[in-house]
């Protein structure tokens, strides 16, 4: 029982770290996990002081990292909504969230995102045993999914284009897909020269440019102003509640899919979820996309034990720390049961605290004009990109913003900018690159 108490304590620590650090744009959970790993000597010293057996210390460190991982999937919607600075996991969620922000409903976007994340966490945890039976013994469907991936990506791209409202929009969508795809093949291979010595990736300036920076520039050019932010709790009608269940299920299944197939990121998972969810309103889009984010995080940890593959940076770190045993019986292995504790704790705490932080920020939004906030956000993103990615990152950001402005001004859906990931990934599965 004493070891469960220690896991509880370390899980609380991880939750606080994940919640706070994810509020800083550019600080992806992979970076946070590497930072936690780099100070593991402090964990060992603390564990020795508490009298924890050395064999359990890697599990305690993993509990901290997993808890931070789950917390970040809830709270990373806040800087995306209010600052327009998304990371990969919430890049597409920025679009409907920003739309609600302009209507004075930014807090509603935060709450809806938290609902999607919480619902998907509950559903993913309840599906772990069926997932094990499907992917491992007795059905062993894991290998079949990999072979279907190129066709799934082709279908997703086709649906994205063909569901545009007009032929002109279809042409624009194809153009943006190709441009962003070529852009992705170039920038994802570029070496960065960050001013701060943190692990970084070109995806941060690229996605910030395609989605966040282009949104801010568009709002600045059009002299957009936002209404004062309402901080009342959003109410869903009976039909919206039923629709929310469908959105959560769709996002959860897509997130689980992301955790299985190599090379598929949560950003791709969000596109797949949107395609299968079909056309819907801003509320349901936010719930769907947030569900993908959280379910992928939980399923990625579980799949360390089910298919014994690491599909995220966090999973790689946890895999190296504890060397997970294969889940071969009906009941999960001892170490997975212990890692479910930080998942449950972080999920339970992240929902109310994400809503609280969203409400606190929304109340202060009306004190400055939106145009002033746009200028501040533009400067802030430029400084972040310069710090984490250097001058090369600034170039990536500006080129990405130029592409991101095309669908805004020419009248097409901005999800076509996800060609940055879809096209390189499709070429990879086809063996072309």
Protein backbone atom coordinates (compact mmCIF):
# COMPACT_ATOMS: atom_id res chain seq x y z
CA UNK A 1 0.00 0.00 0.00
CA UNK A 2 2.84 2.41 0.73
CA UNK A 3 4.07 2.25 -2.88
CA UNK A 4 0.60 3.24 -4.12
CA UNK A 5 0.78 6.29 -1.85
CA UNK A 6 4.11 7.28 -3.39
CA UNK A 7 2.74 6.83 -6.91
CA UNK A 8 -0.14 9.07 -5.88
CA UNK A 9 2.31 11.75 -4.69
CA UNK A 10 4.46 11.57 -7.82
CA UNK A 11 1.32 11.62 -9.96
CA UNK A 12 0.20 14.86 -8.30
CA UNK A 13 3.64 16.34 -8.96
CA UNK A 14 3.46 15.33 -12.62
CA UNK A 15 -0.04 16.75 -12.96
CA UNK A 16 1.09 20.16 -11.68
CA UNK A 17 4.13 20.16 -13.97
CA UNK A 18 2.09 19.18 -17.02
CA UNK A 19 -0.65 21.70 -16.30
CA UNK A 20 1.71 24.64 -15.81
CA UNK A 21 4.28 23.96 -18.53
CA UNK A 22 1.67 23.21 -21.21
CA UNK A 23 0.40 26.78 -20.78
CA UNK A 24 3.66 27.96 -22.35
CA UNK A 25 3.44 27.78 -26.17
CA UNK A 26 6.28 25.79 -27.69
CA UNK A 27 6.83 23.64 -24.60
CA UNK A 28 5.60 20.35 -26.04
CA UNK A 29 5.10 17.45 -23.63
CA UNK A 30 8.04 15.62 -25.27
CA UNK A 31 10.31 18.51 -24.24
CA UNK A 32 8.82 18.50 -20.74
CA UNK A 33 9.38 14.74 -20.43
CA UNK A 34 13.01 15.08 -21.50
CA UNK A 35 13.49 17.81 -18.90
CA UNK A 36 12.01 15.55 -16.21
CA UNK A 37 14.26 12.72 -17.36
CA UNK A 38 17.31 15.01 -17.22
CA UNK A 39 16.69 15.67 -13.51
CA UNK A 40 16.08 12.06 -12.58
CA UNK A 41 18.95 12.23 -10.09
CA UNK A 42 16.69 14.50 -8.05
CA UNK A 43 14.00 11.81 -8.17
CA UNK A 44 16.50 9.21 -6.98
CA UNK A 45 17.58 11.45 -4.10
CA UNK A 46 13.98 12.13 -3.13
CA UNK A 47 13.14 8.43 -3.33
CA UNK A 48 16.12 7.56 -1.14
CA UNK A 49 14.98 10.16 1.40
CA UNK A 50 11.45 8.69 1.38
CA UNK A 51 12.81 5.16 1.70
CA UNK A 52 11.44 3.93 -1.64
CA UNK A 53 12.98 0.70 -2.93
CA UNK A 54 15.35 1.40 -5.86
CA UNK A 55 13.49 -1.06 -8.10
CA UNK A 56 10.37 1.14 -7.86
CA UNK A 57 12.06 4.46 -8.68
CA UNK A 58 11.75 4.15 -12.51
CA UNK A 59 8.04 3.50 -12.00
CA UNK A 60 7.75 6.64 -9.87
CA UNK A 61 9.51 8.73 -12.52
CA UNK A 62 7.27 7.20 -15.20
CA UNK A 63 4.20 8.05 -13.09
CA UNK A 64 5.29 11.68 -13.00
CA UNK A 65 5.84 11.81 -16.76
CA UNK A 66 2.57 10.02 -17.61
CA UNK A 67 0.60 12.31 -15.31
CA UNK A 68 2.16 15.38 -16.94
CA UNK A 69 1.39 13.86 -20.36
CA UNK A 70 -2.33 13.52 -19.61
CA UNK A 71 -2.57 16.97 -17.99
CA UNK A 72 -1.05 18.59 -21.06
CA UNK A 73 -3.73 17.09 -23.33
CA UNK A 74 -6.31 19.06 -21.34
CA UNK A 75 -4.62 22.41 -20.77
CA UNK A 76 -2.80 22.89 -24.10
CA UNK A 77 -6.09 24.20 -25.54
CA UNK A 78 -5.70 27.38 -23.44
CA UNK A 79 -2.71 28.98 -25.21
CA UNK A 80 -4.08 27.77 -28.56
CA UNK A 81 -7.40 29.52 -27.95
CA UNK A 82 -6.26 32.76 -26.34
CA UNK A 83 -2.84 33.27 -27.94
CA UNK A 84 -3.21 31.52 -31.29
CA UNK A 85 -0.05 29.51 -30.67
CA UNK A 86 -0.92 25.83 -31.23
CA UNK A 87 1.31 22.82 -30.95
CA UNK A 88 0.79 19.82 -33.20
CA UNK A 89 -1.80 18.13 -30.97
CA UNK A 90 -4.24 21.06 -31.04
CA UNK A 91 -3.43 22.76 -34.35
CA UNK A 92 -6.83 22.08 -35.94
CA UNK A 93 -8.70 22.67 -32.67
CA UNK A 94 -7.46 26.26 -32.83
CA UNK A 95 -9.78 27.07 -35.74
CA UNK A 96 -13.21 26.47 -34.12
CA UNK A 97 -11.86 27.62 -30.73
CA UNK A 98 -10.71 30.92 -32.23
CA UNK A 99 -14.08 31.30 -33.93
CA UNK A 100 -15.83 30.99 -30.57
CA UNK A 101 -13.32 33.42 -29.02
CA UNK A 102 -14.29 36.07 -31.58
CA UNK A 103 -17.92 35.59 -30.56
CA UNK A 104 -17.08 36.14 -26.90
CA UNK A 105 -17.25 32.42 -26.11
CA UNK A 106 -13.59 31.54 -25.56
CA UNK A 107 -14.38 30.03 -22.16
CA UNK A 108 -17.00 27.82 -23.79
CA UNK A 109 -14.32 26.49 -26.15
CA UNK A 110 -12.12 25.58 -23.16
CA UNK A 111 -14.96 23.79 -21.36
CA UNK A 112 -16.00 21.86 -24.48
CA UNK A 113 -12.41 20.79 -25.04
CA UNK A 114 -12.17 19.61 -21.42
CA UNK A 115 -15.43 17.67 -21.85
CA UNK A 116 -14.06 15.95 -24.95
CA UNK A 117 -10.79 15.07 -23.22
CA UNK A 118 -12.50 13.78 -20.07
CA UNK A 119 -15.06 11.72 -21.99
CA UNK A 120 -12.39 10.16 -24.19
CA UNK A 121 -10.25 9.32 -21.15
CA UNK A 122 -13.13 7.41 -19.54
CA UNK A 123 -14.00 5.64 -22.81
CA UNK A 124 -10.38 4.74 -23.66
CA UNK A 125 -9.80 3.27 -20.18
CA UNK A 126 -12.96 1.17 -20.53
CA UNK A 127 -11.78 -0.12 -23.92
CA UNK A 128 -8.28 -1.25 -22.91
CA UNK A 129 -9.20 -4.92 -22.50
CA UNK A 130 -11.06 -5.11 -25.88
CA UNK A 131 -8.11 -3.31 -27.52
CA UNK A 132 -5.77 -5.94 -26.11
CA UNK A 133 -7.93 -8.77 -27.50
CA UNK A 134 -8.12 -7.11 -30.93
CA UNK A 135 -4.45 -6.17 -31.39
CA UNK A 136 -2.75 -9.05 -29.56
CA UNK A 137 -4.01 -12.51 -28.62
CA UNK A 138 -6.37 -13.87 -29.77
CA UNK A 139 -7.16 -11.80 -32.93
CA UNK A 140 -3.74 -10.17 -33.61
CA UNK A 141 -5.01 -7.48 -36.01
CA UNK A 142 -2.06 -5.13 -35.50
CA UNK A 143 -0.20 -6.03 -38.70
CA UNK A 144 -3.32 -5.75 -40.88
CA UNK A 145 -3.81 -2.09 -39.92
CA UNK A 146 -0.33 -1.11 -41.12
CA UNK A 147 -0.96 -2.46 -44.63
CA UNK A 148 -4.19 -0.46 -44.96
CA UNK A 149 -2.61 2.88 -44.03
CA UNK A 150 -1.80 4.23 -47.54
CA UNK A 151 -5.39 3.66 -48.66
CA UNK A 152 -6.75 5.31 -45.52
CA UNK A 153 -4.61 8.40 -46.14
CA UNK A 154 -5.64 8.58 -49.82
CA UNK A 155 -9.30 8.31 -48.79
CA UNK A 156 -8.87 11.06 -46.18
CA UNK A 157 -7.24 13.42 -48.71
CA UNK A 158 -9.93 12.69 -51.30
CA UNK A 159 -12.75 13.35 -48.84
CA UNK A 160 -11.09 16.58 -47.64
CA UNK A 161 -11.05 17.90 -51.21
CA UNK A 162 -14.38 16.55 -52.48
CA UNK A 163 -16.39 17.85 -49.52
CA UNK A 164 -15.49 21.49 -50.23
CA UNK A 165 -18.57 23.57 -51.08
CA UNK A 166 -17.61 24.67 -54.61
CA UNK A 167 -15.34 23.58 -57.46
CA UNK A 168 -13.25 26.70 -56.90
CA UNK A 169 -12.77 25.71 -53.25
CA UNK A 170 -11.76 22.20 -54.36
CA UNK A 171 -9.06 23.64 -56.62
CA UNK A 172 -7.82 25.88 -53.79
CA UNK A 173 -7.85 22.93 -51.40
CA UNK A 174 -5.73 20.81 -53.77
CA UNK A 175 -3.33 23.72 -54.28
CA UNK A 176 -2.92 24.30 -50.55
CA UNK A 177 -2.52 20.56 -49.91
CA UNK A 178 0.31 20.36 -52.46
CA UNK A 179 1.97 23.58 -51.28
CA UNK A 180 1.83 22.60 -47.62
CA UNK A 181 2.99 19.07 -48.51
CA UNK A 182 6.07 20.34 -50.34
CA UNK A 183 6.59 22.81 -47.49
CA UNK A 184 6.48 19.91 -45.02
CA UNK A 185 8.96 17.78 -46.97
CA UNK A 186 11.40 20.70 -46.93
CA UNK A 187 11.04 22.17 -43.44
CA UNK A 188 10.80 18.91 -41.50
CA UNK A 189 14.37 18.12 -42.58
CA UNK A 190 15.81 21.55 -41.77
CA UNK A 191 18.31 21.87 -38.91
CA UNK A 192 17.34 24.51 -36.35
CA UNK A 193 19.55 27.02 -34.56
CA UNK A 194 17.64 27.73 -31.32
CA UNK A 195 18.83 30.38 -28.88
CA UNK A 196 17.72 28.16 -25.97
CA UNK A 197 19.27 24.71 -25.75
CA UNK A 198 16.01 22.73 -25.57
CA UNK A 199 15.02 19.80 -27.80
CA UNK A 200 12.92 21.33 -30.57
CA UNK A 201 11.25 20.42 -33.84
CA UNK A 202 10.42 22.40 -37.00
CA UNK A 203 6.78 21.45 -36.45
CA UNK A 204 6.35 24.20 -33.85
CA UNK A 205 7.16 27.17 -36.14
CA UNK A 206 5.55 25.40 -39.13
CA UNK A 207 2.19 24.75 -37.45
CA UNK A 208 2.27 28.10 -35.65
CA UNK A 209 2.68 29.73 -39.06
CA UNK A 210 0.05 27.68 -40.91
CA UNK A 211 -2.62 28.05 -38.24
CA UNK A 212 -1.86 30.46 -35.39
CA UNK A 213 0.20 33.21 -37.02
CA UNK A 214 -1.93 33.30 -40.17
CA UNK A 215 -5.07 33.60 -38.03
CA UNK A 216 -3.59 36.52 -36.10
CA UNK A 217 -2.43 38.29 -39.27
CA UNK A 218 -5.85 37.83 -40.87
CA UNK A 219 -7.59 39.23 -37.79
CA UNK A 220 -5.16 42.15 -37.66
CA UNK A 221 -5.64 43.03 -41.34
CA UNK A 222 -9.43 42.85 -41.05
CA UNK A 223 -9.36 44.89 -37.81
CA UNK A 224 -11.25 42.14 -36.01
CA UNK A 225 -12.45 42.87 -32.48
CA UNK A 226 -13.85 40.34 -30.04
CA UNK A 227 -16.80 40.72 -27.76
CA UNK A 228 -16.33 40.67 -24.01
CA UNK A 229 -15.93 37.07 -22.98
CA UNK A 230 -18.90 35.33 -21.39
CA UNK A 231 -17.92 33.14 -18.45
CA UNK A 232 -21.20 31.30 -17.96
CA UNK A 233 -21.20 27.52 -18.11
CA UNK A 234 -22.11 26.29 -21.62
CA UNK A 235 -25.41 24.45 -21.87
CA UNK A 236 -26.01 21.63 -24.33
CA UNK A 237 -29.43 20.69 -25.60
CA UNK A 238 -30.54 17.05 -25.57
CA UNK A 239 -29.65 16.70 -29.25
CA UNK A 240 -26.27 18.33 -28.62
CA UNK A 241 -25.61 15.93 -25.76
CA UNK A 242 -26.30 12.97 -28.04
CA UNK A 243 -24.13 14.53 -30.72
CA UNK A 244 -21.36 15.06 -28.14
CA UNK A 245 -21.38 11.34 -27.36
CA UNK A 246 -20.91 10.57 -31.07
CA UNK A 247 -18.11 13.18 -31.25
CA UNK A 248 -16.35 11.66 -28.24
CA UNK A 249 -16.62 8.13 -29.61
CA UNK A 250 -15.33 9.21 -33.04
CA UNK A 251 -12.40 11.13 -31.55
CA UNK A 252 -11.56 8.34 -29.12
CA UNK A 253 -11.45 5.65 -31.79
CA UNK A 254 -9.30 7.89 -34.00
CA UNK A 255 -6.93 8.54 -31.08
CA UNK A 256 -6.62 4.82 -30.42
CA UNK A 257 -5.86 4.31 -34.11
CA UNK A 258 -3.09 6.94 -33.85
CA UNK A 259 -1.51 4.99 -31.00
CA UNK A 260 -1.33 1.82 -33.09
CA UNK A 261 -0.06 2.70 -36.55
CA UNK A 262 3.56 3.91 -36.91
CA UNK A 263 4.09 7.40 -38.28
CA UNK A 264 0.53 8.59 -37.59
CA UNK A 265 0.45 11.64 -35.33
CA UNK A 266 -2.44 13.11 -33.39
CA UNK A 267 -2.64 15.87 -36.01
CA UNK A 268 -3.35 13.22 -38.68
CA UNK A 269 -5.73 11.54 -36.26
CA UNK A 270 -7.74 14.74 -35.95
CA UNK A 271 -8.19 14.88 -39.72
CA UNK A 272 -9.33 11.23 -39.80
CA UNK A 273 -11.76 11.95 -36.95
CA UNK A 274 -13.21 14.99 -38.73
CA UNK A 275 -13.67 13.01 -41.95
CA UNK A 276 -15.55 10.21 -40.20
CA UNK A 277 -17.46 12.60 -37.92
CA UNK A 278 -18.78 14.48 -40.94
CA UNK A 279 -19.82 18.12 -41.18
CA UNK A 280 -20.83 19.52 -37.81
CA UNK A 281 -20.75 22.73 -35.76
CA UNK A 282 -17.91 24.35 -33.83
CA UNK A 283 -18.88 22.77 -30.52
CA UNK A 284 -18.82 19.20 -31.81
CA UNK A 285 -15.60 19.82 -33.75
CA UNK A 286 -13.81 20.92 -30.57
CA UNK A 287 -15.10 17.92 -28.62
CA UNK A 288 -14.05 15.54 -31.40
CA UNK A 289 -10.54 16.92 -31.75
CA UNK A 290 -9.87 17.10 -28.02
CA UNK A 291 -11.02 13.48 -27.69
CA UNK A 292 -8.37 12.42 -30.21
CA UNK A 293 -5.63 14.14 -28.23
CA UNK A 294 -6.36 12.53 -24.85
CA UNK A 295 -7.31 9.06 -26.08
CA UNK A 296 -4.11 8.85 -28.12
CA UNK A 297 -2.04 9.71 -25.03
CA UNK A 298 -3.67 6.99 -22.90
CA UNK A 299 -3.68 4.33 -25.61
CA UNK A 300 -0.04 5.06 -26.44
CA UNK A 301 0.95 4.14 -22.88
CA UNK A 302 -1.25 1.02 -22.91
CA UNK A 303 0.23 -0.13 -26.24
CA UNK A 304 3.67 -0.29 -24.67
CA UNK A 305 2.29 -3.39 -23.00
CA UNK A 306 -0.13 -4.63 -25.71
CA UNK A 307 1.91 -4.44 -28.94
CA UNK A 308 5.13 -3.32 -27.18
CA UNK A 309 5.64 -0.37 -29.54
CA UNK A 310 6.38 3.24 -28.55
CA UNK A 311 4.36 5.68 -30.68
CA UNK A 312 5.28 8.98 -28.99
CA UNK A 313 8.24 10.70 -27.39
CA UNK A 314 6.73 10.16 -23.95
CA UNK A 315 6.17 6.46 -24.66
CA UNK A 316 9.82 6.07 -25.74
CA UNK A 317 11.00 7.56 -22.44
CA UNK A 318 8.65 5.41 -20.33
CA UNK A 319 9.63 2.33 -22.34
CA UNK A 320 13.31 2.95 -21.60
CA UNK A 321 12.61 3.54 -17.91
CA UNK A 322 10.52 0.49 -17.01
CA UNK A 323 10.91 -2.01 -19.91
CA UNK A 324 7.19 -2.98 -19.99
CA UNK A 325 6.12 -6.63 -19.79
CA UNK A 326 3.83 -7.88 -22.57
CA UNK A 327 0.15 -7.97 -21.63
CA UNK A 328 -0.47 -11.67 -22.26
CA UNK A 329 -3.24 -12.56 -19.76
CA UNK A 330 -6.73 -11.18 -19.24
CA UNK A 331 -5.59 -8.90 -16.43
CA UNK A 332 -3.00 -6.19 -17.27
CA UNK A 333 0.59 -6.42 -15.99
CA UNK A 334 1.50 -5.01 -12.59
CA UNK A 335 3.39 -2.00 -13.98
CA UNK A 336 0.52 -1.01 -16.32
CA UNK A 337 -1.94 -1.10 -13.42
CA UNK A 338 0.33 1.29 -11.54
CA UNK A 339 0.59 3.61 -14.57
CA UNK A 340 -3.20 3.76 -14.75
CA UNK A 341 -3.15 5.53 -11.35
CA UNK A 342 -1.50 8.74 -12.66
CA UNK A 343 -3.81 8.63 -15.71
CA UNK A 344 -6.91 8.55 -13.48
CA UNK A 345 -5.56 11.19 -11.08
CA UNK A 346 -4.47 13.57 -13.82
CA UNK A 347 -7.75 13.16 -15.73
CA UNK A 348 -9.82 13.82 -12.61
CA UNK A 349 -7.90 16.97 -11.68
CA UNK A 350 -7.28 18.34 -15.16
CA UNK A 351 -10.94 18.70 -16.05
CA UNK A 352 -11.93 21.18 -13.30
CA UNK A 353 -8.62 23.05 -13.25
CA UNK A 354 -8.51 23.54 -17.02
CA UNK A 355 -12.03 25.00 -16.84
CA UNK A 356 -11.01 27.21 -13.90
CA UNK A 357 -7.94 28.57 -15.69
CA UNK A 358 -10.00 29.17 -18.85
CA UNK A 359 -12.58 31.13 -16.84
CA UNK A 360 -9.90 33.17 -15.08
CA UNK A 361 -8.23 34.18 -18.35
CA UNK A 362 -11.55 34.84 -20.09
CA UNK A 363 -12.59 37.30 -17.37
CA UNK A 364 -9.47 39.34 -18.06
CA UNK A 365 -9.76 39.26 -21.84
CA UNK A 366 -12.07 42.25 -22.05
CA UNK A 367 -9.64 44.59 -20.30
CA UNK A 368 -7.54 45.14 -23.44
CA UNK A 369 -8.61 45.50 -27.06
CA UNK A 370 -8.27 42.43 -29.25
CA UNK A 371 -6.10 44.34 -31.72
CA UNK A 372 -3.66 45.07 -28.89
CA UNK A 373 -3.74 41.42 -27.86
CA UNK A 374 -3.07 40.38 -31.48
CA UNK A 375 0.04 42.59 -31.56
CA UNK A 376 1.21 41.15 -28.25
CA UNK A 377 0.54 37.58 -29.46
CA UNK A 378 2.39 38.17 -32.75
CA UNK A 379 5.44 39.50 -30.90
CA UNK A 380 5.17 36.66 -28.36
CA UNK A 381 5.09 33.95 -31.05
CA UNK A 382 8.01 35.56 -32.90
CA UNK A 383 10.06 35.57 -29.68
CA UNK A 384 9.10 31.96 -28.87
CA UNK A 385 10.02 30.75 -32.35
CA UNK A 386 13.30 32.65 -32.23
CA UNK A 387 14.11 31.15 -28.82
CA UNK A 388 13.16 27.54 -29.65
CA UNK A 389 13.97 27.45 -33.38
CA UNK A 390 16.32 30.36 -34.16
CA UNK A 391 16.36 32.46 -37.33
CA UNK A 392 15.58 29.38 -39.45
CA UNK A 393 12.43 28.98 -37.40
CA UNK A 394 11.39 32.56 -38.19
CA UNK A 395 11.67 31.82 -41.92
CA UNK A 396 9.64 28.61 -41.45
CA UNK A 397 7.01 30.57 -39.52
CA UNK A 398 6.62 33.30 -42.16
CA UNK A 399 6.47 30.89 -45.09
CA UNK A 400 3.91 28.79 -43.21
CA UNK A 401 1.82 31.89 -42.50
CA UNK A 402 1.86 32.78 -46.21
CA UNK A 403 0.44 29.36 -47.07
CA UNK A 404 -2.04 29.52 -44.19
CA UNK A 405 -3.45 32.81 -45.46
CA UNK A 406 -4.39 31.32 -48.84
CA UNK A 407 -7.47 29.34 -47.74
CA UNK A 408 -8.54 32.22 -45.47
CA UNK A 409 -8.67 34.79 -48.28
CA UNK A 410 -9.55 32.44 -51.17
CA UNK A 411 -12.38 30.57 -49.44
CA UNK A 412 -11.42 26.99 -48.62
CA UNK A 413 -11.23 24.94 -45.45
CA UNK A 414 -7.97 25.45 -43.61
CA UNK A 415 -7.61 21.77 -42.74
CA UNK A 416 -6.01 21.45 -46.20
CA UNK A 417 -2.90 23.01 -44.59
CA UNK A 418 -2.43 19.63 -42.89
CA UNK A 419 -0.85 18.54 -46.16
CA UNK A 420 2.34 19.39 -44.25
CA UNK A 421 1.93 16.00 -42.52
CA UNK A 422 -0.41 14.08 -44.82
CA UNK A 423 1.65 14.29 -48.02
CA UNK A 424 5.08 13.33 -46.53
CA UNK A 425 3.43 10.51 -44.57
CA UNK A 426 1.61 9.16 -47.64
CA UNK A 427 4.83 9.21 -49.65
CA UNK A 428 6.56 7.38 -46.80
CA UNK A 429 3.96 4.60 -46.73
CA UNK A 430 4.14 4.31 -50.52
CA UNK A 431 7.91 3.95 -50.30
CA UNK A 432 8.59 7.06 -52.37
CA UNK A 433 10.49 9.00 -49.69
